Structures are given as C-alpha cells and as structure tokens.
Amino acid sequence: MTEQIRLQFVCEAALSSRAIAWFSAGHFSHVDCLLDDGTLLGARGDSIGAKPPGVQIRPQGYAKWVR
C-alpha cells in the first residue's frame, strides 16, 4: 500500500510573508500538510484566531492566501 503526503504551499499578502518568499528565492512562504479530514497541519510563529504559535492543526482557510 502506498501512502501519500499532500502539501499546500502558500504565500500571504502580508509584507512579512512576501519577504520570506523573496529571500528564500521562491514563490511561497509557508507549507502545511493537508490531512485526510481537510484540516491543515503546520507551524506558525504568530497566533491565528484562538490558536497559539507553534505546530497546530488548523482549518482550511485559516489565513488569506494570495498564491
């Protein structure tokens, strides 16, 4: 049986997110692992909603992505 890992590569409109993408010579500033139930597993350095910084499972659309 083959297991697949699905990743979501994104970038927000915020200056900090765009700077991360630019300085890393890429188009993206963040990546989450897409879980089977549609939630996203990833690490953030800032608070999103009621979730503190760190590794968290977050719902789809927890941030506004521009790409």
N, C-alpha and C. Protein backbone atom coordinates (compact mmCIF):
# COMPACT_ATOMS: atom_id res chain seq x y z
N MET A 1 0.85 -1.18 0.00
CA MET A 1 0.00 0.00 0.00
C MET A 1 0.90 1.24 0.00
N THR A 2 0.54 2.20 -0.82
CA THR A 2 1.30 3.44 -0.92
C THR A 2 0.58 4.55 -0.19
N GLU A 3 1.26 5.20 0.72
CA GLU A 3 0.71 6.35 1.42
C GLU A 3 1.17 7.61 0.72
N GLN A 4 0.31 8.61 0.66
CA GLN A 4 0.67 9.88 0.04
C GLN A 4 0.64 10.98 1.08
N ILE A 5 1.58 11.88 0.97
CA ILE A 5 1.59 13.08 1.78
C ILE A 5 1.24 14.24 0.86
N ARG A 6 0.20 14.98 1.21
CA ARG A 6 -0.21 16.12 0.40
C ARG A 6 0.20 17.40 1.12
N LEU A 7 0.85 18.27 0.39
CA LEU A 7 1.33 19.53 0.95
C LEU A 7 0.67 20.71 0.26
N GLN A 8 0.47 21.77 1.02
CA GLN A 8 -0.08 23.00 0.49
C GLN A 8 0.98 24.09 0.65
N PHE A 9 1.51 24.59 -0.46
CA PHE A 9 2.49 25.66 -0.46
C PHE A 9 1.76 26.96 -0.73
N VAL A 10 1.97 27.98 0.12
CA VAL A 10 1.20 29.22 0.03
C VAL A 10 2.05 30.45 0.34
N CYS A 11 1.47 31.61 0.06
CA CYS A 11 2.06 32.89 0.42
C CYS A 11 0.92 33.84 0.74
N GLU A 12 1.03 34.56 1.85
CA GLU A 12 0.03 35.56 2.22
C GLU A 12 0.37 36.91 1.59
N ALA A 13 -0.57 37.84 1.66
CA ALA A 13 -0.35 39.18 1.12
C ALA A 13 0.52 40.04 2.04
N ALA A 14 0.65 39.66 3.30
CA ALA A 14 1.41 40.44 4.27
C ALA A 14 2.87 40.63 3.83
N LEU A 15 3.43 41.77 4.15
CA LEU A 15 4.81 42.08 3.78
C LEU A 15 5.78 41.02 4.31
N SER A 16 5.58 40.57 5.54
CA SER A 16 6.48 39.57 6.13
C SER A 16 6.45 38.26 5.33
N SER A 17 5.28 37.86 4.90
CA SER A 17 5.15 36.63 4.11
C SER A 17 5.82 36.78 2.75
N ARG A 18 5.60 37.92 2.10
CA ARG A 18 6.23 38.15 0.80
C ARG A 18 7.74 38.26 0.93
N ALA A 19 8.23 38.81 2.04
CA ALA A 19 9.67 38.90 2.26
C ALA A 19 10.29 37.51 2.43
N ILE A 20 9.63 36.65 3.16
CA ILE A 20 10.11 35.27 3.32
C ILE A 20 10.22 34.60 1.96
N ALA A 21 9.18 34.75 1.15
CA ALA A 21 9.20 34.14 -0.19
C ALA A 21 10.35 34.72 -1.03
N TRP A 22 10.54 36.02 -0.98
CA TRP A 22 11.58 36.66 -1.79
C TRP A 22 12.98 36.25 -1.33
N PHE A 23 13.23 36.30 -0.01
CA PHE A 23 14.56 35.96 0.49
C PHE A 23 14.89 34.47 0.36
N SER A 24 13.87 33.64 0.25
CA SER A 24 14.13 32.21 0.06
C SER A 24 14.16 31.85 -1.43
N ALA A 25 14.11 32.88 -2.29
CA ALA A 25 14.19 32.71 -3.74
C ALA A 25 13.08 31.80 -4.27
N GLY A 26 11.90 31.94 -3.67
CA GLY A 26 10.78 31.13 -4.12
C GLY A 26 9.52 31.95 -4.23
N HIS A 27 8.42 31.28 -4.45
CA HIS A 27 7.13 31.93 -4.58
C HIS A 27 6.27 31.77 -3.33
N PHE A 28 6.74 30.96 -2.39
CA PHE A 28 5.92 30.60 -1.24
C PHE A 28 6.64 30.92 0.06
N SER A 29 5.85 31.13 1.11
CA SER A 29 6.43 31.45 2.41
C SER A 29 6.04 30.45 3.49
N HIS A 30 5.12 29.55 3.17
CA HIS A 30 4.61 28.64 4.19
C HIS A 30 4.15 27.35 3.53
N VAL A 31 4.23 26.28 4.28
CA VAL A 31 3.71 25.00 3.80
C VAL A 31 2.97 24.30 4.94
N ASP A 32 1.84 23.72 4.62
CA ASP A 32 1.06 22.91 5.55
C ASP A 32 0.90 21.52 4.97
N CYS A 33 0.74 20.55 5.82
CA CYS A 33 0.41 19.19 5.41
C CYS A 33 -1.12 19.07 5.43
N LEU A 34 -1.70 18.68 4.31
CA LEU A 34 -3.15 18.52 4.20
C LEU A 34 -3.52 17.14 4.74
N LEU A 35 -4.32 17.13 5.81
CA LEU A 35 -4.73 15.88 6.43
C LEU A 35 -5.97 15.32 5.75
N ASP A 36 -6.25 14.05 6.00
CA ASP A 36 -7.37 13.36 5.33
C ASP A 36 -8.72 14.03 5.57
N ASP A 37 -8.92 14.67 6.73
CA ASP A 37 -10.20 15.31 7.03
C ASP A 37 -10.29 16.74 6.50
N GLY A 38 -9.26 17.20 5.76
CA GLY A 38 -9.28 18.53 5.17
C GLY A 38 -8.63 19.60 6.01
N THR A 39 -8.25 19.26 7.24
CA THR A 39 -7.56 20.24 8.07
C THR A 39 -6.08 20.31 7.67
N LEU A 40 -5.40 21.32 8.18
CA LEU A 40 -4.00 21.56 7.81
C LEU A 40 -3.10 21.49 9.04
N LEU A 41 -2.00 20.77 8.92
CA LEU A 41 -1.02 20.65 9.99
C LEU A 41 0.21 21.46 9.59
N GLY A 42 0.57 22.43 10.43
CA GLY A 42 1.73 23.24 10.11
C GLY A 42 2.18 24.05 11.31
N ALA A 43 3.32 24.68 11.17
CA ALA A 43 3.89 25.51 12.23
C ALA A 43 3.81 26.97 11.83
N ARG A 44 3.45 27.82 12.78
CA ARG A 44 3.38 29.26 12.57
C ARG A 44 4.09 29.95 13.73
N GLY A 45 4.65 31.10 13.46
CA GLY A 45 5.30 31.89 14.50
C GLY A 45 4.39 32.94 15.09
N ASP A 46 3.16 33.02 14.57
CA ASP A 46 2.20 34.01 15.06
C ASP A 46 0.90 33.31 15.46
N SER A 47 0.07 34.00 16.22
CA SER A 47 -1.23 33.46 16.62
C SER A 47 -2.22 33.65 15.49
N ILE A 48 -3.01 32.63 15.24
CA ILE A 48 -4.07 32.69 14.25
C ILE A 48 -5.36 32.33 14.97
N GLY A 49 -6.28 33.30 15.07
CA GLY A 49 -7.51 33.05 15.81
C GLY A 49 -7.19 32.72 17.26
N ALA A 50 -7.74 31.64 17.76
CA ALA A 50 -7.51 31.22 19.14
C ALA A 50 -6.31 30.29 19.26
N LYS A 51 -5.67 29.96 18.15
CA LYS A 51 -4.53 29.04 18.16
C LYS A 51 -3.24 29.79 18.45
N PRO A 52 -2.45 29.34 19.42
CA PRO A 52 -1.18 30.00 19.71
C PRO A 52 -0.12 29.62 18.67
N PRO A 53 1.02 30.34 18.66
CA PRO A 53 2.10 29.98 17.75
C PRO A 53 2.57 28.54 18.00
N GLY A 54 3.18 27.96 16.99
CA GLY A 54 3.70 26.61 17.11
C GLY A 54 3.04 25.67 16.13
N VAL A 55 3.27 24.40 16.31
CA VAL A 55 2.68 23.38 15.44
C VAL A 55 1.23 23.15 15.89
N GLN A 56 0.32 23.32 14.94
CA GLN A 56 -1.11 23.19 15.24
C GLN A 56 -1.83 22.56 14.06
N ILE A 57 -2.99 22.01 14.33
CA ILE A 57 -3.91 21.60 13.27
C ILE A 57 -4.91 22.74 13.13
N ARG A 58 -5.01 23.29 11.93
CA ARG A 58 -5.87 24.44 11.68
C ARG A 58 -6.86 24.11 10.55
N PRO A 59 -8.00 24.83 10.52
CA PRO A 59 -8.97 24.58 9.45
C PRO A 59 -8.51 25.18 8.13
N GLN A 60 -9.04 24.66 7.03
CA GLN A 60 -8.80 25.25 5.71
C GLN A 60 -9.21 26.71 5.77
N GLY A 61 -8.51 27.57 5.09
CA GLY A 61 -8.87 28.98 5.02
C GLY A 61 -8.56 29.76 6.28
N TYR A 62 -7.67 29.26 7.14
CA TYR A 62 -7.34 29.97 8.37
C TYR A 62 -6.59 31.27 8.12
N ALA A 63 -6.06 31.44 6.92
CA ALA A 63 -5.38 32.67 6.52
C ALA A 63 -5.79 32.97 5.08
N LYS A 64 -5.58 34.21 4.67
CA LYS A 64 -5.92 34.59 3.30
C LYS A 64 -4.66 34.47 2.43
N TRP A 65 -4.67 33.52 1.53
CA TRP A 65 -3.52 33.26 0.67
C TRP A 65 -3.66 34.00 -0.65
N VAL A 66 -2.57 34.57 -1.13
CA VAL A 66 -2.58 35.21 -2.44
C VAL A 66 -2.05 34.26 -3.50
N ARG A 67 -1.31 33.25 -3.11
CA ARG A 67 -0.88 32.19 -4.02
C ARG A 67 -0.57 30.96 -3.21
